Amino acid sequence: AVRGAPAIGCAAGLALAASAWKIQADNANEFLIQVKQQADYLNSSRPTAVNLSWALKRCFTVLHKDSSVMELKDRLLKEALAILEEDIILCDKIGKYGSILLADGMGILTHCNAGALATGGKGTALAPVYEAAERGMKLKVYSDETRPLLQGSRLTAWELMHSGIDVTIICDNMAAQLMREGKIQAVIVGADRIASNGDTANKIGTYGVAILAKYHKIPFYVAAPYSTFDMSLKNGMDIPIEQRNSAEITGISGKLTAPDGIKTYNPAFDVTPHELISAIITDRGIIYPPFGENLALFSNNNNSES
């Protein structure tokens, strides 16, 4: 029901606070045990987006055993709301930095949805587009439909159209042709988890777009807040990939698009190797290769901008 890595993180914090508010406990220890059970349950819902576990862990940092149950409930709610408020600010900063990479008249390709519908604020991948538009740039955005759930055509295109941005929907298999025709000058996508070497998990199909961009010498940018970085993972091979229901491919609500009973393979995400990424746009600046070295600096200096 909730999609988009930052939005999943925000929803996780608020869900934990809401469920904790209903807990009946005589003391802090009993309360914390039940909250941990709720957090573990929430954490099991989506394996790929690291913002989920990040938000839940952050909420636990404000819970202390020497407090009353009511104080703990209040702290949990305040921290959940702080995560949401912070995400709004992070999106604005991503837009500010990312817009530096854009210029008037550029054609931008994006995959899936990484806008206001996927975050607490204006988005990650779409934030630079919105910022550029506010600065008077005229951009042409091409939105991959993003099969099988069509987040690009149903969400990104809708969002951009209602924001007054020039947007055109294309099928996923049309991106190469548009690049050959010279209509794409940059690709910007979001991320669900970024490993310490820069390997990035995002919606299925992103890897293919990155390969096409490399071949056509088009910059491929990833936009994500600091909460999407998982420095505990050495590379993208360690990122868990969510497998989704076959009905997403074969047809939903009885409208079959494939033979009934056919076997399917439906990973919701893929991993783009860091070698294919031109830069990572964050809330603290733009990170360029070599990512292993620069991401380590980013991780050790989380409060500075560069």
Protein backbone atom coordinates (compact mmCIF):
# COMPACT_ATOMS: atom_id res chain seq x y z
CA ALA A 1 0.00 0.00 0.00
CA VAL A 2 2.97 2.33 0.59
CA ARG A 3 5.69 2.63 -2.04
CA GLY A 4 8.78 4.77 -2.51
CA ALA A 5 11.75 4.28 -0.17
CA PRO A 6 11.50 7.62 1.71
CA ALA A 7 7.71 7.29 2.04
CA ILE A 8 8.13 3.75 3.35
CA GLY A 9 10.49 5.08 6.03
CA CYS A 10 8.11 7.87 7.02
CA ALA A 11 5.16 5.47 7.11
CA ALA A 12 7.12 2.96 9.21
CA GLY A 13 7.86 5.53 11.91
CA LEU A 14 4.28 6.74 12.02
CA ALA A 15 2.89 3.19 11.97
CA LEU A 16 5.10 2.23 14.89
CA ALA A 17 4.01 5.31 16.84
CA ALA A 18 0.34 4.61 16.08
CA SER A 19 0.54 0.96 17.09
CA ALA A 20 2.54 1.82 20.21
CA TRP A 21 -0.11 4.31 21.29
CA LYS A 22 -2.58 1.41 21.65
CA ILE A 23 -0.26 -0.73 23.77
CA GLN A 24 -1.40 -1.33 27.33
CA ALA A 25 1.67 -1.87 29.55
CA ASP A 26 2.38 -1.47 33.27
CA ASN A 27 6.00 -0.39 32.88
CA ALA A 28 8.63 0.69 30.36
CA ASN A 29 10.20 -2.75 30.00
CA GLU A 30 6.90 -4.38 29.12
CA PHE A 31 6.09 -1.54 26.73
CA LEU A 32 9.45 -1.79 24.94
CA ILE A 33 9.07 -5.53 24.43
CA GLN A 34 5.75 -5.01 22.69
CA VAL A 35 7.07 -2.10 20.62
CA LYS A 36 9.97 -4.28 19.47
CA GLN A 37 7.50 -6.94 18.34
CA GLN A 38 5.58 -4.33 16.34
CA ALA A 39 8.81 -3.00 14.81
CA ASP A 40 9.96 -6.48 13.77
CA TYR A 41 6.60 -7.08 12.11
CA LEU A 42 6.77 -3.78 10.21
CA ASN A 43 10.37 -4.43 9.21
CA SER A 44 9.39 -7.73 7.58
CA SER A 45 7.03 -6.06 5.10
CA ARG A 46 9.52 -4.71 2.51
CA PRO A 47 13.05 -6.16 2.26
CA THR A 48 14.74 -3.90 -0.31
CA ALA A 49 14.15 -0.29 0.80
CA VAL A 50 16.59 0.32 3.65
CA ASN A 51 14.66 3.42 4.77
CA LEU A 52 12.24 1.03 6.46
CA SER A 53 14.73 -0.44 8.93
CA TRP A 54 16.55 2.90 9.20
CA ALA A 55 13.40 4.69 10.41
CA LEU A 56 12.50 1.94 12.88
CA LYS A 57 16.01 1.90 14.35
CA ARG A 58 15.98 5.68 14.63
CA CYS A 59 12.71 5.59 16.54
CA PHE A 60 14.26 3.25 19.11
CA THR A 61 17.08 5.71 19.83
CA VAL A 62 14.65 7.97 21.73
CA LEU A 63 13.19 5.19 23.89
CA HIS A 64 14.77 4.92 27.35
CA LYS A 65 13.82 2.46 30.09
CA ASP A 66 13.89 5.13 32.79
CA SER A 67 10.84 6.88 31.28
CA SER A 68 7.14 6.32 31.88
CA VAL A 69 5.02 4.53 29.30
CA MET A 70 3.24 7.75 28.40
CA GLU A 71 6.55 9.57 27.93
CA LEU A 72 7.77 6.79 25.65
CA LYS A 73 4.64 6.97 23.52
CA ASP A 74 5.03 10.75 23.23
CA ARG A 75 8.72 10.50 22.29
CA LEU A 76 7.98 7.89 19.67
CA LEU A 77 5.34 10.03 18.03
CA LYS A 78 7.58 13.13 18.06
CA GLU A 79 10.44 11.19 16.44
CA ALA A 80 8.16 9.76 13.76
CA LEU A 81 6.93 13.25 12.92
CA ALA A 82 10.53 14.51 12.93
CA ILE A 83 11.43 11.88 10.32
CA LEU A 84 8.62 13.13 8.10
CA GLU A 85 9.55 16.79 8.57
CA GLU A 86 13.19 16.00 7.86
CA ASP A 87 12.33 14.16 4.65
CA ILE A 88 10.56 17.25 3.33
CA ILE A 89 13.73 19.27 3.88
CA LEU A 90 15.96 16.55 2.39
CA CYS A 91 13.89 16.53 -0.81
CA ASP A 92 14.29 20.29 -1.16
CA LYS A 93 18.06 19.97 -0.81
CA ILE A 94 18.24 17.15 -3.36
CA GLY A 95 16.35 19.40 -5.76
CA LYS A 96 18.72 22.27 -5.11
CA TYR A 97 21.85 20.23 -5.81
CA GLY A 98 20.43 18.20 -8.66
CA SER A 99 19.21 21.23 -10.60
CA ILE A 100 22.86 22.27 -11.01
CA LEU A 101 23.28 19.34 -13.38
CA LEU A 102 20.39 20.43 -15.61
CA ALA A 103 20.10 23.08 -18.30
CA ASP A 104 17.32 24.75 -20.24
CA GLY A 105 15.97 22.61 -23.07
CA MET A 106 17.29 19.27 -21.81
CA GLY A 107 15.42 16.02 -22.29
CA ILE A 108 15.26 14.01 -19.06
CA LEU A 109 14.41 10.32 -18.78
CA THR A 110 13.15 8.90 -15.49
CA HIS A 111 12.11 5.42 -14.44
CA CYS A 112 9.39 4.48 -11.94
CA ASN A 113 8.14 7.19 -9.56
CA ALA A 114 10.44 9.16 -7.28
CA GLY A 115 8.41 12.32 -6.78
CA ALA A 116 6.07 13.71 -4.16
CA LEU A 117 4.00 10.50 -4.26
CA ALA A 118 7.02 8.48 -3.10
CA THR A 119 8.40 10.76 -0.39
CA GLY A 120 7.42 13.16 2.36
CA GLY A 121 8.43 16.14 0.24
CA LYS A 122 8.70 16.95 -3.46
CA GLY A 123 10.63 13.79 -4.28
CA THR A 124 14.15 12.59 -5.02
CA ALA A 125 14.61 12.04 -8.77
CA LEU A 126 11.88 14.55 -9.59
CA ALA A 127 13.04 17.19 -7.10
CA PRO A 128 15.74 18.56 -9.47
CA VAL A 129 13.12 18.78 -12.21
CA TYR A 130 10.78 20.79 -10.00
CA GLU A 131 13.63 23.02 -8.83
CA ALA A 132 14.79 23.61 -12.40
CA ALA A 133 11.25 24.55 -13.43
CA GLU A 134 11.05 27.03 -10.55
CA ARG A 135 14.27 28.58 -11.86
CA GLY A 136 12.69 29.06 -15.27
CA MET A 137 14.21 26.12 -17.13
CA LYS A 138 12.10 24.42 -19.77
CA LEU A 139 12.67 20.68 -19.58
CA LYS A 140 11.17 17.81 -21.54
CA VAL A 141 10.64 14.79 -19.30
CA TYR A 142 10.15 11.29 -20.69
CA SER A 143 8.60 8.91 -18.19
CA ASP A 144 9.14 5.18 -18.63
CA GLU A 145 5.82 3.46 -17.99
CA THR A 146 7.69 1.05 -15.66
CA ARG A 147 6.13 -2.35 -15.99
CA PRO A 148 4.52 -4.33 -14.52
CA LEU A 149 2.75 -1.89 -12.15
CA LEU A 150 3.15 1.22 -14.36
CA GLN A 151 4.33 3.61 -11.65
CA GLY A 152 5.83 5.82 -14.36
CA SER A 153 2.68 6.21 -16.41
CA ARG A 154 0.17 6.15 -13.54
CA LEU A 155 2.11 8.23 -11.02
CA THR A 156 5.10 10.13 -12.43
CA ALA A 157 3.30 11.30 -15.55
CA TRP A 158 0.23 12.32 -13.53
CA GLU A 159 2.35 14.17 -10.99
CA LEU A 160 4.41 16.07 -13.57
CA MET A 161 1.42 16.89 -15.75
CA HIS A 162 -0.47 18.43 -12.84
CA SER A 163 2.65 20.41 -11.90
CA GLY A 164 2.83 21.97 -15.35
CA ILE A 165 5.94 20.03 -16.44
CA ASP A 166 6.21 18.95 -20.09
CA VAL A 167 6.02 15.15 -19.79
CA THR A 168 5.63 12.30 -22.28
CA ILE A 169 5.01 8.65 -21.41
CA ILE A 170 7.04 6.02 -23.25
CA CYS A 171 7.01 2.22 -23.04
CA ASP A 172 10.03 0.79 -21.25
CA ASN A 173 11.38 -0.70 -24.47
CA MET A 174 11.42 2.69 -26.24
CA ALA A 175 14.20 4.32 -24.20
CA ALA A 176 17.01 3.13 -26.46
CA GLN A 177 15.37 4.62 -29.55
CA LEU A 178 14.86 7.99 -27.87
CA MET A 179 18.50 8.03 -26.82
CA ARG A 180 19.59 7.23 -30.38
CA GLU A 181 17.43 10.09 -31.66
CA GLY A 182 19.19 12.49 -29.28
CA LYS A 183 16.09 13.31 -27.26
CA ILE A 184 17.62 12.36 -23.90
CA GLN A 185 20.42 14.41 -22.34
CA ALA A 186 20.27 12.98 -18.80
CA VAL A 187 18.69 10.14 -16.83
CA ILE A 188 17.63 10.66 -13.21
CA VAL A 189 16.28 7.85 -11.04
CA GLY A 190 15.64 7.31 -7.35
CA ALA A 191 16.99 4.53 -5.14
CA ASP A 192 15.76 2.05 -2.55
CA ARG A 193 19.18 1.12 -1.17
CA ILE A 194 22.75 2.19 -1.98
CA ALA A 195 25.64 -0.05 -0.92
CA SER A 196 28.96 1.33 0.33
CA ASN A 197 30.59 1.00 -3.11
CA GLY A 198 27.78 2.91 -4.86
CA ASP A 199 25.87 -0.08 -6.27
CA THR A 200 22.22 0.97 -6.26
CA ALA A 201 18.95 -0.94 -5.98
CA ASN A 202 15.98 0.67 -7.67
CA LYS A 203 12.79 -0.36 -9.46
CA ILE A 204 13.21 -3.25 -11.88
CA GLY A 205 14.34 -1.98 -15.28
CA THR A 206 16.70 0.67 -13.90
CA TYR A 207 19.76 -1.48 -14.62
CA GLY A 208 18.80 -1.74 -18.28
CA VAL A 209 18.30 2.02 -18.56
CA ALA A 210 21.75 2.58 -17.03
CA ILE A 211 23.35 0.27 -19.61
CA LEU A 212 21.62 2.15 -22.43
CA ALA A 213 22.74 5.50 -21.03
CA LYS A 214 26.35 4.30 -20.81
CA TYR A 215 26.31 3.11 -24.42
CA HIS A 216 24.87 6.40 -25.66
CA LYS A 217 27.23 8.48 -23.46
CA ILE A 218 24.37 10.02 -21.50
CA PRO A 219 24.90 10.86 -17.80
CA PHE A 220 23.02 8.57 -15.44
CA TYR A 221 22.21 10.13 -12.07
CA VAL A 222 20.83 8.57 -8.88
CA ALA A 223 19.00 10.85 -6.43
CA ALA A 224 18.60 9.77 -2.80
CA PRO A 225 18.72 11.08 0.80
CA TYR A 226 21.33 9.92 3.32
CA SER A 227 18.81 7.48 4.82
CA THR A 228 18.97 5.34 1.65
CA PHE A 229 22.69 4.59 2.06
CA ASP A 230 23.50 1.25 3.66
CA MET A 231 27.19 1.40 4.54
CA SER A 232 27.00 -2.04 6.15
CA LEU A 233 26.77 -3.63 2.69
CA LYS A 234 29.96 -4.12 0.72
CA ASN A 235 28.26 -4.12 -2.68
CA GLY A 236 24.96 -4.58 -4.46
CA MET A 237 25.17 -8.37 -4.34
CA ASP A 238 24.23 -8.11 -0.65
CA ILE A 239 21.03 -6.15 -1.28
CA PRO A 240 17.91 -8.30 -0.77
CA ILE A 241 15.54 -8.16 -3.74
CA GLU A 242 11.79 -8.38 -3.15
CA GLN A 243 9.94 -10.94 -5.25
CA ARG A 244 6.39 -9.94 -6.12
CA ASN A 245 3.15 -11.76 -6.94
CA SER A 246 2.82 -13.27 -10.42
CA ALA A 247 -0.56 -11.56 -10.87
CA GLU A 248 1.28 -8.28 -11.42
CA ILE A 249 2.55 -9.72 -14.70
CA THR A 250 -0.23 -12.06 -15.78
CA GLY A 251 -3.12 -9.72 -15.05
CA ILE A 252 -4.93 -8.10 -12.16
CA SER A 253 -8.70 -8.09 -11.45
CA GLY A 254 -9.36 -10.92 -13.88
CA LYS A 255 -7.87 -9.16 -16.92
CA LEU A 256 -5.31 -11.73 -18.06
CA THR A 257 -2.36 -10.59 -20.19
CA ALA A 258 -0.70 -14.02 -20.26
CA PRO A 259 -1.83 -17.66 -20.34
CA ASP A 260 -3.55 -18.73 -17.14
CA GLY A 261 -1.20 -20.77 -14.94
CA ILE A 262 1.99 -19.65 -16.72
CA LYS A 263 5.19 -19.44 -14.63
CA THR A 264 6.56 -15.95 -13.93
CA TYR A 265 9.67 -14.33 -12.51
CA ASN A 266 8.87 -10.98 -10.92
CA PRO A 267 11.66 -9.24 -8.97
CA ALA A 268 10.48 -5.78 -7.93
CA PHE A 269 13.99 -4.28 -8.05
CA ASP A 270 17.35 -4.68 -9.75
CA VAL A 271 20.83 -3.44 -8.87
CA THR A 272 22.73 -0.97 -11.03
CA PRO A 273 26.54 -1.37 -10.69
CA HIS A 274 28.34 1.77 -9.57
CA GLU A 275 30.40 1.81 -12.78
CA LEU A 276 27.28 2.85 -14.68
CA ILE A 277 26.43 5.76 -12.37
CA SER A 278 27.72 9.24 -13.25
CA ALA A 279 26.90 10.83 -9.88
CA ILE A 280 24.69 10.41 -6.83
CA ILE A 281 22.63 13.46 -5.90
CA THR A 282 22.12 13.67 -2.13
CA ASP A 283 20.75 16.12 0.40
CA ARG A 284 24.35 17.06 1.27
CA GLY A 285 25.73 17.53 -2.21
CA ILE A 286 26.66 15.58 -5.31
CA ILE A 287 28.87 12.52 -4.91
CA TYR A 288 31.08 11.65 -7.87
CA PRO A 289 33.19 8.54 -8.52
CA PRO A 290 35.19 6.90 -7.06
CA PHE A 291 32.15 6.08 -4.95
CA GLY A 292 33.85 3.72 -2.49
CA GLU A 293 36.18 6.47 -1.29
CA ASN A 294 33.71 9.33 -1.49
CA LEU A 295 30.80 7.46 0.09
CA ALA A 296 33.03 6.59 3.04
CA LEU A 297 33.72 10.30 3.49
CA PHE A 298 30.00 11.02 3.14
CA SER A 299 29.17 8.43 5.80
CA ASN A 300 31.78 9.72 8.25
CA ASN A 301 30.74 13.34 7.83
CA ASN A 302 26.96 13.17 7.70
CA ASN A 303 26.33 16.70 8.93
CA SER A 304 28.32 18.61 6.34
CA GLU A 305 27.48 19.67 2.83
CA SER A 306 29.93 19.48 -0.05
